[in-house]
């Protein structure tokens, strides 16, 4: 019931557990199924917060970065980007996107 009271905390706790399972070698497909069953969507900012928490708790940053592709694939289609801001023309990110 507490997940209904503080949904953000619940989502972040679940996501952290799922990411740690990936780092422990669990199948990405199995983790994806748990994600779909537990979290229909998660705000992008919470994904970043969870990764930062894992790093601050001692998971090496290099390990988090190494696994980012797997995290991204598992989370594909389940990250809520509705709060994302538009990238203004000329912004370094805009330039990078258009150069690649």
C-alpha atoms as a PDB file:
ATOM      1  CA  UNK A   1       0.000   0.000   0.000  1.00  0.00           C
ATOM      2  CA  UNK A   2       2.908   2.347   0.649  1.00  0.00           C
ATOM      3  CA  UNK A   3       3.674   2.361  -3.080  1.00  0.00           C
ATOM      4  CA  UNK A   4       0.403   4.246  -3.550  1.00  0.00           C
ATOM      5  CA  UNK A   5       1.420   6.858  -1.006  1.00  0.00           C
ATOM      6  CA  UNK A   6       4.955   7.447  -2.291  1.00  0.00           C
ATOM      7  CA  UNK A   7       4.967   6.065  -5.818  1.00  0.00           C
ATOM      8  CA  UNK A   8       8.301   7.690  -6.683  1.00  0.00           C
ATOM      9  CA  UNK A   9      10.111   5.973  -3.825  1.00  0.00           C
ATOM     10  CA  UNK A  10       8.478   2.647  -4.724  1.00  0.00           C
ATOM     11  CA  UNK A  11       9.426   2.949  -8.421  1.00  0.00           C
ATOM     12  CA  UNK A  12      13.010   3.899  -7.599  1.00  0.00           C
ATOM     13  CA  UNK A  13      13.353   1.000  -5.147  1.00  0.00           C
ATOM     14  CA  UNK A  14      12.033  -1.463  -7.750  1.00  0.00           C
ATOM     15  CA  UNK A  15      14.213  -0.017 -10.492  1.00  0.00           C
ATOM     16  CA  UNK A  16      17.304  -0.180  -8.291  1.00  0.00           C
ATOM     17  CA  UNK A  17      16.617  -3.852  -7.552  1.00  0.00           C
ATOM     18  CA  UNK A  18      16.152  -4.575 -11.265  1.00  0.00           C
ATOM     19  CA  UNK A  19      19.369  -2.790 -12.252  1.00  0.00           C
ATOM     20  CA  UNK A  20      21.282  -4.698  -9.576  1.00  0.00           C
ATOM     21  CA  UNK A  21      19.869  -7.956 -10.952  1.00  0.00           C
ATOM     22  CA  UNK A  22      21.224  -7.006 -14.382  1.00  0.00           C
ATOM     23  CA  UNK A  23      24.614  -6.284 -12.828  1.00  0.00           C
ATOM     24  CA  UNK A  24      24.505  -9.673 -11.118  1.00  0.00           C
ATOM     25  CA  UNK A  25      24.092 -11.324 -14.513  1.00  0.00           C
ATOM     26  CA  UNK A  26      20.369 -11.974 -14.641  1.00  0.00           C
ATOM     27  CA  UNK A  27      18.883 -12.221 -18.131  1.00  0.00           C
ATOM     28  CA  UNK A  28      17.833  -8.877 -19.612  1.00  0.00           C
ATOM     29  CA  UNK A  29      14.627 -10.474 -20.938  1.00  0.00           C
ATOM     30  CA  UNK A  30      13.708 -11.815 -17.495  1.00  0.00           C
ATOM     31  CA  UNK A  31      14.366  -8.412 -15.918  1.00  0.00           C
ATOM     32  CA  UNK A  32      12.306  -6.742 -18.673  1.00  0.00           C
ATOM     33  CA  UNK A  33       9.330  -8.975 -17.861  1.00  0.00           C
ATOM     34  CA  UNK A  34       9.563  -8.075 -14.171  1.00  0.00           C
ATOM     35  CA  UNK A  35       9.838  -4.394 -15.127  1.00  0.00           C
ATOM     36  CA  UNK A  36       6.741  -4.603 -17.296  1.00  0.00           C
ATOM     37  CA  UNK A  37       4.838  -6.404 -14.556  1.00  0.00           C
ATOM     38  CA  UNK A  38       5.921  -4.023 -11.811  1.00  0.00           C
ATOM     39  CA  UNK A  39       6.499  -0.636 -13.432  1.00  0.00           C
ATOM     40  CA  UNK A  40       4.443   0.341 -16.439  1.00  0.00           C
ATOM     41  CA  UNK A  41       6.491   3.526 -16.768  1.00  0.00           C
ATOM     42  CA  UNK A  42       9.096   5.454 -14.848  1.00  0.00           C
ATOM     43  CA  UNK A  43      10.040   9.115 -15.240  1.00  0.00           C
ATOM     44  CA  UNK A  44      13.442   9.557 -16.878  1.00  0.00           C
ATOM     45  CA  UNK A  45      14.677  11.677 -13.956  1.00  0.00           C
ATOM     46  CA  UNK A  46      14.103   8.769 -11.587  1.00  0.00           C
ATOM     47  CA  UNK A  47      16.234   6.488 -13.765  1.00  0.00           C
ATOM     48  CA  UNK A  48      19.097   8.985 -13.498  1.00  0.00           C
ATOM     49  CA  UNK A  49      18.550   9.347  -9.739  1.00  0.00           C
ATOM     50  CA  UNK A  50      18.682   5.577  -9.236  1.00  0.00           C
ATOM     51  CA  UNK A  51      21.909   5.275 -11.225  1.00  0.00           C
ATOM     52  CA  UNK A  52      23.442   8.118  -9.178  1.00  0.00           C
ATOM     53  CA  UNK A  53      22.315   6.439  -5.940  1.00  0.00           C
ATOM     54  CA  UNK A  54      23.934   3.179  -7.007  1.00  0.00           C
ATOM     55  CA  UNK A  55      27.191   5.004  -7.717  1.00  0.00           C
ATOM     56  CA  UNK A  56      27.069   6.836  -4.381  1.00  0.00           C
ATOM     57  CA  UNK A  57      26.423   3.484  -2.652  1.00  0.00           C
ATOM     58  CA  UNK A  58      29.647   2.085  -4.069  1.00  0.00           C
ATOM     59  CA  UNK A  59      28.793   0.573  -7.449  1.00  0.00           C
ATOM     60  CA  UNK A  60      31.663   1.743  -9.652  1.00  0.00           C
ATOM     61  CA  UNK A  61      30.653   4.414 -12.154  1.00  0.00           C
ATOM     62  CA  UNK A  62      32.439   2.455 -14.854  1.00  0.00           C
ATOM     63  CA  UNK A  63      30.196  -0.535 -14.120  1.00  0.00           C
ATOM     64  CA  UNK A  64      27.048   1.592 -14.356  1.00  0.00           C
ATOM     65  CA  UNK A  65      28.262   3.092 -17.641  1.00  0.00           C
ATOM     66  CA  UNK A  66      29.240  -0.310 -18.990  1.00  0.00           C
ATOM     67  CA  UNK A  67      25.720  -1.583 -18.373  1.00  0.00           C
ATOM     68  CA  UNK A  68      23.875   1.507 -19.663  1.00  0.00           C
ATOM     69  CA  UNK A  69      23.081  -0.131 -23.002  1.00  0.00           C
ATOM     70  CA  UNK A  70      21.453  -3.044 -21.207  1.00  0.00           C
ATOM     71  CA  UNK A  71      19.544  -0.712 -18.865  1.00  0.00           C
ATOM     72  CA  UNK A  72      18.398   1.327 -21.835  1.00  0.00           C
ATOM     73  CA  UNK A  73      17.225  -1.730 -23.751  1.00  0.00           C
ATOM     74  CA  UNK A  74      15.321  -3.116 -20.765  1.00  0.00           C
ATOM     75  CA  UNK A  75      13.714   0.270 -20.095  1.00  0.00           C
ATOM     76  CA  UNK A  76      12.916   1.022 -23.772  1.00  0.00           C
ATOM     77  CA  UNK A  77       9.288   2.015 -24.051  1.00  0.00           C
ATOM     78  CA  UNK A  78       8.835   2.272 -20.292  1.00  0.00           C
ATOM     79  CA  UNK A  79      10.536   5.594 -19.578  1.00  0.00           C
ATOM     80  CA  UNK A  80       8.143   8.523 -19.357  1.00  0.00           C
ATOM     81  CA  UNK A  81       9.751  11.422 -21.187  1.00  0.00           C
ATOM     82  CA  UNK A  82       6.723  13.707 -21.082  1.00  0.00           C
ATOM     83  CA  UNK A  83       8.598  16.081 -18.785  1.00  0.00           C
ATOM     84  CA  UNK A  84      11.579  16.297 -21.121  1.00  0.00           C
ATOM     85  CA  UNK A  85      12.439  19.736 -22.430  1.00  0.00           C
ATOM     86  CA  UNK A  86      12.904  20.589 -26.085  1.00  0.00           C
ATOM     87  CA  UNK A  87      16.512  20.978 -27.171  1.00  0.00           C
ATOM     88  CA  UNK A  88      16.889  24.512 -28.513  1.00  0.00           C
ATOM     89  CA  UNK A  89      18.549  24.950 -31.915  1.00  0.00           C
ATOM     90  CA  UNK A  90      22.280  25.552 -31.556  1.00  0.00           C
ATOM     91  CA  UNK A  91      22.493  23.904 -28.128  1.00  0.00           C
ATOM     92  CA  UNK A  92      25.559  21.609 -27.929  1.00  0.00           C
ATOM     93  CA  UNK A  93      23.272  18.560 -27.759  1.00  0.00           C
ATOM     94  CA  UNK A  94      21.407  19.759 -30.856  1.00  0.00           C
ATOM     95  CA  UNK A  95      24.702  20.212 -32.695  1.00  0.00           C
ATOM     96  CA  UNK A  96      25.886  16.759 -31.619  1.00  0.00           C
ATOM     97  CA  UNK A  97      22.654  15.112 -32.800  1.00  0.00           C
ATOM     98  CA  UNK A  98      22.888  16.782 -36.182  1.00  0.00           C
ATOM     99  CA  UNK A  99      26.566  15.925 -36.589  1.00  0.00           C
ATOM    100  CA  UNK A 100      26.068  12.198 -36.039  1.00  0.00           C
END
